C-alpha atoms as a PDB file:
ATOM      1  CA  MET A   1      87.559 107.280  65.554  1.00  0.00           C
ATOM      2  CA  ILE A   2      88.280 108.171  69.166  1.00  0.00           C
ATOM      3  CA  GLU A   3      85.904 110.847  70.063  1.00  0.00           C
ATOM      4  CA  LYS A   4      83.296 107.801  69.154  1.00  0.00           C
ATOM      5  CA  LYS A   5      84.421 105.768  72.092  1.00  0.00           C
ATOM      6  CA  ILE A   6      84.948 108.439  74.957  1.00  0.00           C
ATOM      7  CA  GLN A   7      81.596 108.924  77.160  1.00  0.00           C
ATOM      8  CA  ARG A   8      80.707 111.837  79.110  1.00  0.00           C
ATOM      9  CA  ASN A   9      79.738 112.210  82.648  1.00  0.00           C
ATOM     10  CA  VAL A  10      80.649 108.894  83.816  1.00  0.00           C
ATOM     11  CA  THR A  11      80.318 108.090  87.616  1.00  0.00           C
ATOM     12  CA  LEU A  12      83.897 107.327  88.834  1.00  0.00           C
ATOM     13  CA  ALA A  13      83.238 105.618  92.319  1.00  0.00           C
ATOM     14  CA  PRO A  14      82.562 102.616  91.309  1.00  0.00           C
ATOM     15  CA  PHE A  15      86.082 102.586  89.420  1.00  0.00           C
ATOM     16  CA  THR A  16      87.921 102.516  92.727  1.00  0.00           C
ATOM     17  CA  THR A  17      88.237 100.792  95.985  1.00  0.00           C
ATOM     18  CA  PHE A  18      87.093 103.745  98.005  1.00  0.00           C
ATOM     19  CA  LYS A  19      83.945 103.992  96.221  1.00  0.00           C
ATOM     20  CA  ILE A  20      84.226 107.228  96.634  1.00  0.00           C
ATOM     21  CA  GLY A  21      83.866 110.200  93.826  1.00  0.00           C
ATOM     22  CA  GLY A  22      81.936 112.074  91.473  1.00  0.00           C
ATOM     23  CA  PRO A  23      81.386 111.782  87.339  1.00  0.00           C
ATOM     24  CA  ALA A  24      84.428 112.361  84.722  1.00  0.00           C
ATOM     25  CA  ALA A  25      83.476 115.249  82.341  1.00  0.00           C
ATOM     26  CA  TYR A  26      85.047 113.175  79.486  1.00  0.00           C
ATOM     27  CA  PHE A  27      86.053 109.046  80.020  1.00  0.00           C
ATOM     28  CA  ILE A  28      87.319 106.114  77.697  1.00  0.00           C
ATOM     29  CA  GLU A  29      88.510 102.709  78.419  1.00  0.00           C
ATOM     30  CA  ALA A  30      91.494 102.091  76.563  1.00  0.00           C
ATOM     31  CA  ARG A  31      92.481  98.770  75.432  1.00  0.00           C
ATOM     32  CA  THR A  32      95.920  99.508  73.617  1.00  0.00           C
ATOM     33  CA  GLU A  33      98.749 102.232  73.548  1.00  0.00           C
ATOM     34  CA  ASP A  34      97.283 103.707  70.311  1.00  0.00           C
ATOM     35  CA  GLU A  35      94.283 104.612  71.934  1.00  0.00           C
ATOM     36  CA  ILE A  36      95.997 106.280  75.181  1.00  0.00           C
ATOM     37  CA  VAL A  37      97.884 107.901  72.767  1.00  0.00           C
ATOM     38  CA  GLU A  38      94.879 109.292  70.520  1.00  0.00           C
ATOM     39  CA  ALA A  39      92.912 109.707  73.902  1.00  0.00           C
ATOM     40  CA  LEU A  40      95.531 112.308  74.923  1.00  0.00           C
ATOM     41  CA  LYS A  41      96.062 113.690  71.782  1.00  0.00           C
ATOM     42  CA  TRP A  42      92.168 114.192  72.076  1.00  0.00           C
ATOM     43  CA  ALA A  43      92.960 115.791  75.457  1.00  0.00           C
ATOM     44  CA  LYS A  44      95.492 118.300  74.313  1.00  0.00           C
ATOM     45  CA  HIS A  45      93.011 119.648  71.638  1.00  0.00           C
ATOM     46  CA  LYS A  46      90.073 119.980  73.399  1.00  0.00           C
ATOM     47  CA  HIS A  47      92.713 121.905  75.948  1.00  0.00           C
ATOM     48  CA  ILE A  48      91.415 119.944  79.028  1.00  0.00           C
ATOM     49  CA  PRO A  49      93.091 118.311  81.755  1.00  0.00           C
ATOM     50  CA  TYR A  50      93.154 113.838  81.731  1.00  0.00           C
ATOM     51  CA  PHE A  51      94.220 111.331  84.821  1.00  0.00           C
ATOM     52  CA  ILE A  52      95.000 107.715  83.865  1.00  0.00           C
ATOM     53  CA  LEU A  53      92.897 105.283  86.405  1.00  0.00           C
ATOM     54  CA  GLY A  54      94.239 101.689  86.988  1.00  0.00           C
ATOM     55  CA  GLY A  55      92.726 100.172  89.648  1.00  0.00           C
ATOM     56  CA  GLY A  56      91.435 102.766  92.233  1.00  0.00           C
ATOM     57  CA  SER A  57      93.231 102.406  94.848  1.00  0.00           C
ATOM     58  CA  ASN A  58      95.391 104.870  96.363  1.00  0.00           C
ATOM     59  CA  ILE A  59      93.240 107.214  94.992  1.00  0.00           C
ATOM     60  CA  LEU A  60      90.694 109.903  96.735  1.00  0.00           C
ATOM     61  CA  ILE A  61      88.217 111.468  93.807  1.00  0.00           C
ATOM     62  CA  ALA A  62      86.523 114.780  94.679  1.00  0.00           C
ATOM     63  CA  ASP A  63      82.922 114.806  95.096  1.00  0.00           C
ATOM     64  CA  LYS A  64      82.360 117.125  92.252  1.00  0.00           C
ATOM     65  CA  GLY A  65      84.348 114.443  90.281  1.00  0.00           C
ATOM     66  CA  PHE A  66      86.626 115.680  87.839  1.00  0.00           C
ATOM     67  CA  ASP A  67      86.347 118.239  85.120  1.00  0.00           C
ATOM     68  CA  GLY A  68      88.588 116.426  82.283  1.00  0.00           C
ATOM     69  CA  LEU A  69      89.295 113.437  80.457  1.00  0.00           C
ATOM     70  CA  VAL A  70      89.557 110.264  82.632  1.00  0.00           C
ATOM     71  CA  VAL A  71      91.266 107.529  80.755  1.00  0.00           C
ATOM     72  CA  LYS A  72      90.273 103.658  82.283  1.00  0.00           C
ATOM     73  CA  MET A  73      93.767 101.615  81.515  1.00  0.00           C
ATOM     74  CA  ARG A  74      92.209  98.279  80.148  1.00  0.00           C
ATOM     75  CA  MET A  75      95.415  96.848  78.837  1.00  0.00           C
ATOM     76  CA  ASN A  76      95.783  93.581  80.723  1.00  0.00           C
ATOM     77  CA  THR A  77      97.775  90.567  78.748  1.00  0.00           C
ATOM     78  CA  TYR A  78     100.779  89.714  80.124  1.00  0.00           C
ATOM     79  CA  THR A  79     103.720  87.022  79.632  1.00  0.00           C
ATOM     80  CA  VAL A  80     105.847  84.653  80.663  1.00  0.00           C
ATOM     81  CA  LEU A  81     109.819  84.399  79.597  1.00  0.00           C
ATOM     82  CA  LYS A  82     111.881  82.861  81.502  1.00  0.00           C
ATOM     83  CA  THR A  83     112.543  84.691  84.839  1.00  0.00           C
ATOM     84  CA  ASN A  84     110.695  87.666  83.276  1.00  0.00           C
ATOM     85  CA  ILE A  85     106.998  88.851  83.593  1.00  0.00           C
ATOM     86  CA  ILE A  86     106.065  91.531  81.014  1.00  0.00           C
ATOM     87  CA  ALA A  87     102.798  92.936  81.931  1.00  0.00           C
ATOM     88  CA  ASP A  88     100.617  95.403  80.523  1.00  0.00           C
ATOM     89  CA  ALA A  89      99.973  98.433  83.139  1.00  0.00           C
ATOM     90  CA  GLY A  90      96.333  97.478  83.661  1.00  0.00           C
ATOM     91  CA  VAL A  91      97.109  93.880  84.660  1.00  0.00           C
ATOM     92  CA  PHE A  92      96.316  93.220  88.729  1.00  0.00           C
ATOM     93  CA  LEU A  93      99.140  93.059  91.000  1.00  0.00           C
ATOM     94  CA  SER A  94      97.051  89.607  92.085  1.00  0.00           C
ATOM     95  CA  THR A  95      97.301  88.038  89.065  1.00  0.00           C
ATOM     96  CA  LEU A  96     100.871  88.538  88.345  1.00  0.00           C
ATOM     97  CA  VAL A  97     101.127  87.099  91.983  1.00  0.00           C
ATOM     98  CA  SER A  98      99.581  84.081  91.104  1.00  0.00           C
ATOM     99  CA  ALA A  99     101.229  83.780  87.199  1.00  0.00           C
ATOM    100  CA  SER A 100     104.663  84.303  89.669  1.00  0.00           C
ATOM    101  CA  LEU A 101     103.224  81.197  91.660  1.00  0.00           C
ATOM    102  CA  LYS A 102     102.435  78.749  88.412  1.00  0.00           C
ATOM    103  CA  ASN A 103     105.524  79.373  86.885  1.00  0.00           C
ATOM    104  CA  SER A 104     107.820  79.183  90.066  1.00  0.00           C
ATOM    105  CA  LEU A 105     109.114  82.341  90.190  1.00  0.00           C
ATOM    106  CA  THR A 106     109.978  84.045  93.276  1.00  0.00           C
ATOM    107  CA  GLY A 107     110.105  87.651  94.532  1.00  0.00           C
ATOM    108  CA  LEU A 108     106.612  88.690  94.407  1.00  0.00           C
ATOM    109  CA  GLU A 109     105.576  86.745  97.619  1.00  0.00           C
ATOM    110  CA  TRP A 110     105.186  89.818  99.345  1.00  0.00           C
ATOM    111  CA  ALA A 111     102.199  91.358  96.888  1.00  0.00           C
ATOM    112  CA  GLY A 112      99.970  88.732  98.000  1.00  0.00           C
ATOM    113  CA  GLY A 113      96.631  90.598  98.584  1.00  0.00           C
ATOM    114  CA  VAL A 114      98.174  93.925  97.463  1.00  0.00           C
ATOM    115  CA  PRO A 115      95.280  95.605  95.688  1.00  0.00           C
ATOM    116  CA  GLY A 116      95.673  97.512  92.304  1.00  0.00           C
ATOM    117  CA  THR A 117      97.391  96.971  89.093  1.00  0.00           C
ATOM    118  CA  ILE A 118     101.370  96.884  88.296  1.00  0.00           C
ATOM    119  CA  GLY A 119     101.311 100.256  86.726  1.00  0.00           C
ATOM    120  CA  GLY A 120     100.095 102.302  89.440  1.00  0.00           C
ATOM    121  CA  ALA A 121     102.412  99.818  91.569  1.00  0.00           C
ATOM    122  CA  VAL A 122     105.266 101.022  89.760  1.00  0.00           C
ATOM    123  CA  ARG A 123     104.056 104.844  89.754  1.00  0.00           C
ATOM    124  CA  GLY A 124     103.401 104.960  93.477  1.00  0.00           C
ATOM    125  CA  ASN A 125     106.708 102.672  94.097  1.00  0.00           C
ATOM    126  CA  ALA A 126     104.110  99.825  96.143  1.00  0.00           C
ATOM    127  CA  GLY A 127     105.546  97.523  98.686  1.00  0.00           C
ATOM    128  CA  ALA A 128     104.401  96.045 101.663  1.00  0.00           C
ATOM    129  CA  HIS A 129     106.498  94.010 104.536  1.00  0.00           C
ATOM    130  CA  GLY A 130     109.909  95.803 103.551  1.00  0.00           C
ATOM    131  CA  HIS A 131     110.191  94.982  99.973  1.00  0.00           C
ATOM    132  CA  SER A 132     109.108  97.405  97.094  1.00  0.00           C
ATOM    133  CA  ILE A 133     108.164  96.826  93.493  1.00  0.00           C
ATOM    134  CA  SER A 134     110.955  99.004  92.278  1.00  0.00           C
ATOM    135  CA  GLU A 135     113.437  95.764  93.520  1.00  0.00           C
ATOM    136  CA  LEU A 136     111.776  93.813  90.525  1.00  0.00           C
ATOM    137  CA  VAL A 137     111.137  96.479  87.651  1.00  0.00           C
ATOM    138  CA  LYS A 138     113.684  95.742  85.197  1.00  0.00           C
ATOM    139  CA  THR A 139     112.502  98.210  82.153  1.00  0.00           C
ATOM    140  CA  VAL A 140     109.041 100.319  81.890  1.00  0.00           C
ATOM    141  CA  ARG A 141     107.496 101.588  78.810  1.00  0.00           C
ATOM    142  CA  VAL A 142     105.887 104.377  78.662  1.00  0.00           C
ATOM    143  CA  VAL A 143     103.833 106.666  76.556  1.00  0.00           C
ATOM    144  CA  ARG A 144     105.867 110.609  76.427  1.00  0.00           C
ATOM    145  CA  LYS A 145     104.671 112.974  74.204  1.00  0.00           C
ATOM    146  CA  GLY A 146     102.950 110.980  71.931  1.00  0.00           C
ATOM    147  CA  SER A 147     105.740 108.720  71.391  1.00  0.00           C
ATOM    148  CA  VAL A 148     106.406 104.984  72.948  1.00  0.00           C
ATOM    149  CA  VAL A 149     109.603 104.784  75.326  1.00  0.00           C
ATOM    150  CA  ASP A 150     111.366 102.020  77.279  1.00  0.00           C
ATOM    151  CA  LEU A 151     113.317 103.145  80.519  1.00  0.00           C
ATOM    152  CA  GLU A 152     115.567 101.367  82.609  1.00  0.00           C
ATOM    153  CA  ASN A 153     115.220 101.352  86.154  1.00  0.00           C
ATOM    154  CA  ASN A 154     117.384 103.675  87.582  1.00  0.00           C
ATOM    155  CA  ASN A 155     116.101 106.110  84.662  1.00  0.00           C
ATOM    156  CA  CYS A 156     112.341 105.568  87.272  1.00  0.00           C
ATOM    157  CA  ARG A 157     114.594 107.590  90.370  1.00  0.00           C
ATOM    158  CA  PHE A 158     112.157 105.311  92.996  1.00  0.00           C
ATOM    159  CA  SER A 159     112.211 106.270  96.706  1.00  0.00           C
ATOM    160  CA  TYR A 160     110.232 105.081  98.784  1.00  0.00           C
ATOM    161  CA  ARG A 161     106.146 105.367  97.974  1.00  0.00           C
ATOM    162  CA  ASN A 162     107.421 107.599  94.419  1.00  0.00           C
ATOM    163  CA  SER A 163     108.959 107.804  91.528  1.00  0.00           C
ATOM    164  CA  VAL A 164     109.822 110.205  88.885  1.00  0.00           C
ATOM    165  CA  PHE A 165     106.421 109.371  87.034  1.00  0.00           C
ATOM    166  CA  LYS A 166     104.574 110.356  90.399  1.00  0.00           C
ATOM    167  CA  ARG A 167     106.484 113.630  90.399  1.00  0.00           C
ATOM    168  CA  LYS A 168     104.937 116.799  89.595  1.00  0.00           C
ATOM    169  CA  ASN A 169     105.350 117.947  85.926  1.00  0.00           C
ATOM    170  CA  ASN A 170     105.810 114.363  85.005  1.00  0.00           C
ATOM    171  CA  ASN A 171     103.131 113.130  81.981  1.00  0.00           C
ATOM    172  CA  ASP A 172     104.660 110.011  81.252  1.00  0.00           C
ATOM    173  CA  ILE A 173     101.901 107.223  81.198  1.00  0.00           C
ATOM    174  CA  ILE A 174     103.187 103.702  81.663  1.00  0.00           C
ATOM    175  CA  VAL A 175     101.851 101.459  79.483  1.00  0.00           C
ATOM    176  CA  ARG A 176     103.899  98.083  80.263  1.00  0.00           C
ATOM    177  CA  VAL A 177     106.127  96.882  82.886  1.00  0.00           C
ATOM    178  CA  VAL A 178     109.364  94.060  82.553  1.00  0.00           C
ATOM    179  CA  LEU A 179     109.948  92.275  85.979  1.00  0.00           C
ATOM    180  CA  LYS A 180     112.778  90.359  86.643  1.00  0.00           C
ATOM    181  CA  LEU A 181     111.935  87.621  89.409  1.00  0.00           C
ATOM    182  CA  LYS A 182     114.575  84.595  90.461  1.00  0.00           C
ATOM    183  CA  LYS A 183     113.620  80.767  89.847  1.00  0.00           C
ATOM    184  CA  GLY A 184     112.551  79.348  92.694  1.00  0.00           C
ATOM    185  CA  ASN A 185     110.575  76.340  94.847  1.00  0.00           C
ATOM    186  CA  LYS A 186     107.148  76.505  93.850  1.00  0.00           C
ATOM    187  CA  GLN A 187     105.997  74.857  97.646  1.00  0.00           C
ATOM    188  CA  GLU A 188     108.033  77.977  99.339  1.00  0.00           C
ATOM    189  CA  ILE A 189     106.269  80.678  97.067  1.00  0.00           C
ATOM    190  CA  GLU A 190     102.996  79.500  97.644  1.00  0.00           C
ATOM    191  CA  LYS A 191     103.849  79.261 101.466  1.00  0.00           C
ATOM    192  CA  GLY A 192     104.913  82.821 101.582  1.00  0.00           C
ATOM    193  CA  ILE A 193     101.974  83.869  98.975  1.00  0.00           C
ATOM    194  CA  THR A 194      99.536  82.116 101.781  1.00  0.00           C
ATOM    195  CA  LYS A 195     101.511  83.780 104.778  1.00  0.00           C
ATOM    196  CA  HIS A 196     101.311  87.686 103.251  1.00  0.00           C
ATOM    197  CA  ILE A 197      97.675  87.199 102.780  1.00  0.00           C
ATOM    198  CA  THR A 198      96.637  85.703 105.725  1.00  0.00           C
ATOM    199  CA  TYR A 199      98.465  88.630 107.304  1.00  0.00           C
ATOM    200  CA  ARG A 200      96.663  91.362 105.368  1.00  0.00           C
ATOM    201  CA  ASN A 201      93.078  89.895 106.232  1.00  0.00           C
ATOM    202  CA  LYS A 202      94.237  89.709 110.144  1.00  0.00           C
ATOM    203  CA  THR A 203      95.487  93.395 110.107  1.00  0.00           C
ATOM    204  CA  GLN A 204      93.243  95.360 107.228  1.00  0.00           C
ATOM    205  CA  PRO A 205      89.891  96.371 107.696  1.00  0.00           C
ATOM    206  CA  TYR A 206      86.858  94.452 105.258  1.00  0.00           C
ATOM    207  CA  GLN A 207      85.066  97.332 104.171  1.00  0.00           C
ATOM    208  CA  ALA A 208      85.697 100.107 101.427  1.00  0.00           C
ATOM    209  CA  SER A 209      89.184 101.849 101.576  1.00  0.00           C
ATOM    210  CA  CYS A 210      91.693 103.013  99.508  1.00  0.00           C
ATOM    211  CA  GLY A 211      94.669 101.559 101.336  1.00  0.00           C
ATOM    212  CA  CYS A 212      96.579 103.414 103.643  1.00  0.00           C
ATOM    213  CA  ILE A 213      96.046 107.141 103.856  1.00  0.00           C
ATOM    214  CA  PHE A 214      99.890 108.130 104.814  1.00  0.00           C
ATOM    215  CA  LYS A 215     103.427 106.970 104.328  1.00  0.00           C
ATOM    216  CA  ASN A 216     105.123 105.891 107.364  1.00  0.00           C
ATOM    217  CA  ILE A 217     107.771 108.071 109.040  1.00  0.00           C
ATOM    218  CA  ASN A 218     111.725 107.034 108.621  1.00  0.00           C
ATOM    219  CA  PHE A 219     112.668 106.705 112.001  1.00  0.00           C
ATOM    220  CA  SER A 220     115.881 108.301 110.995  1.00  0.00           C
ATOM    221  CA  ALA A 221     113.887 111.776 110.739  1.00  0.00           C
ATOM    222  CA  ILE A 222     112.822 111.735 114.133  1.00  0.00           C
ATOM    223  CA  ASP A 223     114.171 114.258 116.221  1.00  0.00           C
ATOM    224  CA  LYS A 224     116.053 112.550 119.282  1.00  0.00           C
ATOM    225  CA  THR A 225     114.002 115.210 121.979  1.00  0.00           C
ATOM    226  CA  CYS A 226     110.910 113.386 120.458  1.00  0.00           C
ATOM    227  CA  LEU A 227     112.175 109.842 121.178  1.00  0.00           C
ATOM    228  CA  LYS A 228     112.969 111.068 124.737  1.00  0.00           C
ATOM    229  CA  LYS A 229     109.567 111.938 125.252  1.00  0.00           C
ATOM    230  CA  PHE A 230     107.828 109.022 123.615  1.00  0.00           C
ATOM    231  CA  PRO A 231     110.512 105.959 123.963  1.00  0.00           C
ATOM    232  CA  GLU A 232     108.013 103.470 123.194  1.00  0.00           C
ATOM    233  CA  MET A 233     108.787 104.754 119.420  1.00  0.00           C
ATOM    234  CA  ASN A 234     112.217 103.138 119.576  1.00  0.00           C
ATOM    235  CA  GLU A 235     110.585  99.610 119.409  1.00  0.00           C
ATOM    236  CA  PHE A 236     110.440 100.606 115.835  1.00  0.00           C
ATOM    237  CA  LYS A 237     114.172 101.691 115.189  1.00  0.00           C
ATOM    238  CA  GLY A 238     115.650  97.981 113.284  1.00  0.00           C
ATOM    239  CA  TYR A 239     111.874  98.232 111.353  1.00  0.00           C
ATOM    240  CA  GLY A 240     113.780 101.446 110.105  1.00  0.00           C
ATOM    241  CA  GLN A 241     110.308 103.260 110.101  1.00  0.00           C
ATOM    242  CA  ILE A 242     107.632 104.197 112.483  1.00  0.00           C
ATOM    243  CA  PRO A 243     104.007 103.125 111.321  1.00  0.00           C
ATOM    244  CA  SER A 244     101.532 106.006 110.717  1.00  0.00           C
ATOM    245  CA  GLY A 245      98.977 103.919 111.491  1.00  0.00           C
ATOM    246  CA  TRP A 246     100.741 103.684 115.301  1.00  0.00           C
ATOM    247  CA  LEU A 247     101.260 107.428 115.599  1.00  0.00           C
ATOM    248  CA  ILE A 248      97.482 107.948 114.484  1.00  0.00           C
ATOM    249  CA  ASP A 249      96.313 105.041 117.508  1.00  0.00           C
ATOM    250  CA  SER A 250      98.420 106.665 119.967  1.00  0.00           C
ATOM    251  CA  CYS A 251      96.244 109.734 119.643  1.00  0.00           C
ATOM    252  CA  SER A 252      93.157 107.168 120.230  1.00  0.00           C
ATOM    253  CA  LEU A 253      91.468 108.097 116.716  1.00  0.00           C
ATOM    254  CA  LYS A 254      90.755 104.432 116.176  1.00  0.00           C
ATOM    255  CA  ARG A 255      86.877 104.426 115.244  1.00  0.00           C
ATOM    256  CA  THR A 256      86.250 108.483 114.854  1.00  0.00           C
ATOM    257  CA  LYS A 257      83.547 109.025 112.517  1.00  0.00           C
ATOM    258  CA  LYS A 258      83.020 111.658 109.975  1.00  0.00           C
ATOM    259  CA  GLY A 259      79.731 111.297 108.338  1.00  0.00           C
ATOM    260  CA  LYS A 260      79.659 107.446 106.512  1.00  0.00           C
ATOM    261  CA  VAL A 261      83.548 107.277 106.991  1.00  0.00           C
ATOM    262  CA  SER A 262      85.895 106.409 110.165  1.00  0.00           C
ATOM    263  CA  ILE A 263      89.744 105.215 111.048  1.00  0.00           C
ATOM    264  CA  SER A 264      89.799 102.135 111.213  1.00  0.00           C
ATOM    265  CA  ASP A 265      89.326 100.013 114.972  1.00  0.00           C
ATOM    266  CA  ILE A 266      91.572  97.129 112.792  1.00  0.00           C
ATOM    267  CA  HIS A 267      94.312  99.334 111.664  1.00  0.00           C
ATOM    268  CA  ALA A 268      94.261 103.192 112.461  1.00  0.00           C
ATOM    269  CA  ASN A 269      96.076 104.353 108.881  1.00  0.00           C
ATOM    270  CA  PHE A 270      92.881 103.199 106.952  1.00  0.00           C
ATOM    271  CA  ILE A 271      89.478 105.110 106.406  1.00  0.00           C
ATOM    272  CA  GLU A 272      86.312 102.934 105.585  1.00  0.00           C
ATOM    273  CA  ASN A 273      83.713 104.003 103.864  1.00  0.00           C
ATOM    274  CA  SER A 274      80.822 102.565 105.641  1.00  0.00           C
ATOM    275  CA  GLY A 275      78.429 103.601 102.553  1.00  0.00           C
ATOM    276  CA  SER A 276      77.495 106.592 100.401  1.00  0.00           C
ATOM    277  CA  ALA A 277      80.435 108.440 102.181  1.00  0.00           C
ATOM    278  CA  THR A 278      81.739 111.868 100.274  1.00  0.00           C
ATOM    279  CA  ALA A 279      85.306 112.953  99.723  1.00  0.00           C
ATOM    280  CA  HIS A 280      84.648 116.001 102.085  1.00  0.00           C
ATOM    281  CA  ASP A 281      84.155 113.767 104.731  1.00  0.00           C
ATOM    282  CA  VAL A 282      87.287 111.889 104.180  1.00  0.00           C
ATOM    283  CA  ARG A 283      89.533 115.094 104.082  1.00  0.00           C
ATOM    284  CA  GLU A 284      87.955 116.105 107.059  1.00  0.00           C
ATOM    285  CA  LEU A 285      89.189 112.745 108.549  1.00  0.00           C
ATOM    286  CA  ILE A 286      92.682 113.230 106.810  1.00  0.00           C
ATOM    287  CA  ALA A 287      93.403 116.565 108.219  1.00  0.00           C
ATOM    288  CA  ARG A 288      92.187 115.737 112.004  1.00  0.00           C
ATOM    289  CA  ALA A 289      94.799 112.784 111.765  1.00  0.00           C
ATOM    290  CA  LYS A 290      97.572 114.882 110.738  1.00  0.00           C
ATOM    291  CA  LEU A 291      96.371 117.795 113.043  1.00  0.00           C
ATOM    292  CA  CYS A 292      96.811 115.409 116.279  1.00  0.00           C
ATOM    293  CA  VAL A 293      99.894 113.694 115.020  1.00  0.00           C
ATOM    294  CA  LYS A 294     101.188 117.267 114.774  1.00  0.00           C
ATOM    295  CA  GLN A 295     100.278 118.136 118.284  1.00  0.00           C
ATOM    296  CA  LYS A 296     101.249 115.218 120.393  1.00  0.00           C
ATOM    297  CA  PHE A 297     104.490 114.340 118.312  1.00  0.00           C
ATOM    298  CA  GLY A 298     105.412 117.490 116.365  1.00  0.00           C
ATOM    299  CA  ILE A 299     105.385 114.636 113.408  1.00  0.00           C
ATOM    300  CA  ASP A 300     104.252 115.959 110.254  1.00  0.00           C
ATOM    301  CA  LEU A 301     102.423 113.157 108.188  1.00  0.00           C
ATOM    302  CA  GLU A 302     102.221 112.593 104.372  1.00  0.00           C
ATOM    303  CA  GLU A 303      99.504 111.139 102.373  1.00  0.00           C
ATOM    304  CA  GLU A 304     100.363 108.488 100.058  1.00  0.00           C
ATOM    305  CA  ILE A 305      97.134 108.553  98.338  1.00  0.00           C
ATOM    306  CA  ILE A 306      96.672 110.883  95.191  1.00  0.00           C
ATOM    307  CA  TYR A 307      93.891 113.641  95.126  1.00  0.00           C
ATOM    308  CA  VAL A 308      91.752 113.748  92.094  1.00  0.00           C
ATOM    309  CA  GLY A 309      89.521 116.446  90.646  1.00  0.00           C
ATOM    310  CA  PHE A 310      90.302 119.009  93.914  1.00  0.00           C
END
């Protein structure tokens, strides 16, 4: 019976990369599709909200926690079949990067060092170095209204750091992903993975964070007046995006602190938790960054992270 597996008042901070967040009123670690279906039925019967927790990156959980059911995804097996990797939603990206190397499959090198699970990566269309997971997704299996449904890539409606699963009113729960890669040279694949991991280690903070706070800005959306006023922005034209970290840094906000959190002095699109930080203080820094960038550049920063319990 699913109710026997549901815990009460479980602190969520240890399950996140930010190490911030209060308790979940109810909490369950789901290891099968059936457990997910039963847990969601239980939440519906109790008339309470639910949240699916993967690797815990790219989220900020409120200090008061979440007054509902948190389903921690523990489905974490995968299979390599020719050039396909079939992975449960709870498998970490780092595990799949290693699997791709072991099987001489190319396409995932850019994900070297990227935190989180494949389920979360698909939901937010995670990416780095000009690539995104949507390039590799063949099919996605979801739990929808108590049934299991398989979706093709074009039904996922991927866009920059977004998908149909992240959009409002979508209640699909990702449980399995099939990635389509290509055969490659093992040495070259290893070289690519090492290159990206090394780059991340040099350019991103070591202290607890949730990853990038804001989405980058589409270059074509920048007003010509702004480009004329700040011609240095044109260096990003070939890239197609203006890094939000560059905008925040240009506002001299690196090292800005609020309580136990601060805007990283390594990468301004990261907020670091130096210990015992609160979600309230994180929100204060986010608001300050958005205001300063808006006042200086007239650009609206949009969060990449998900707010839980606010």
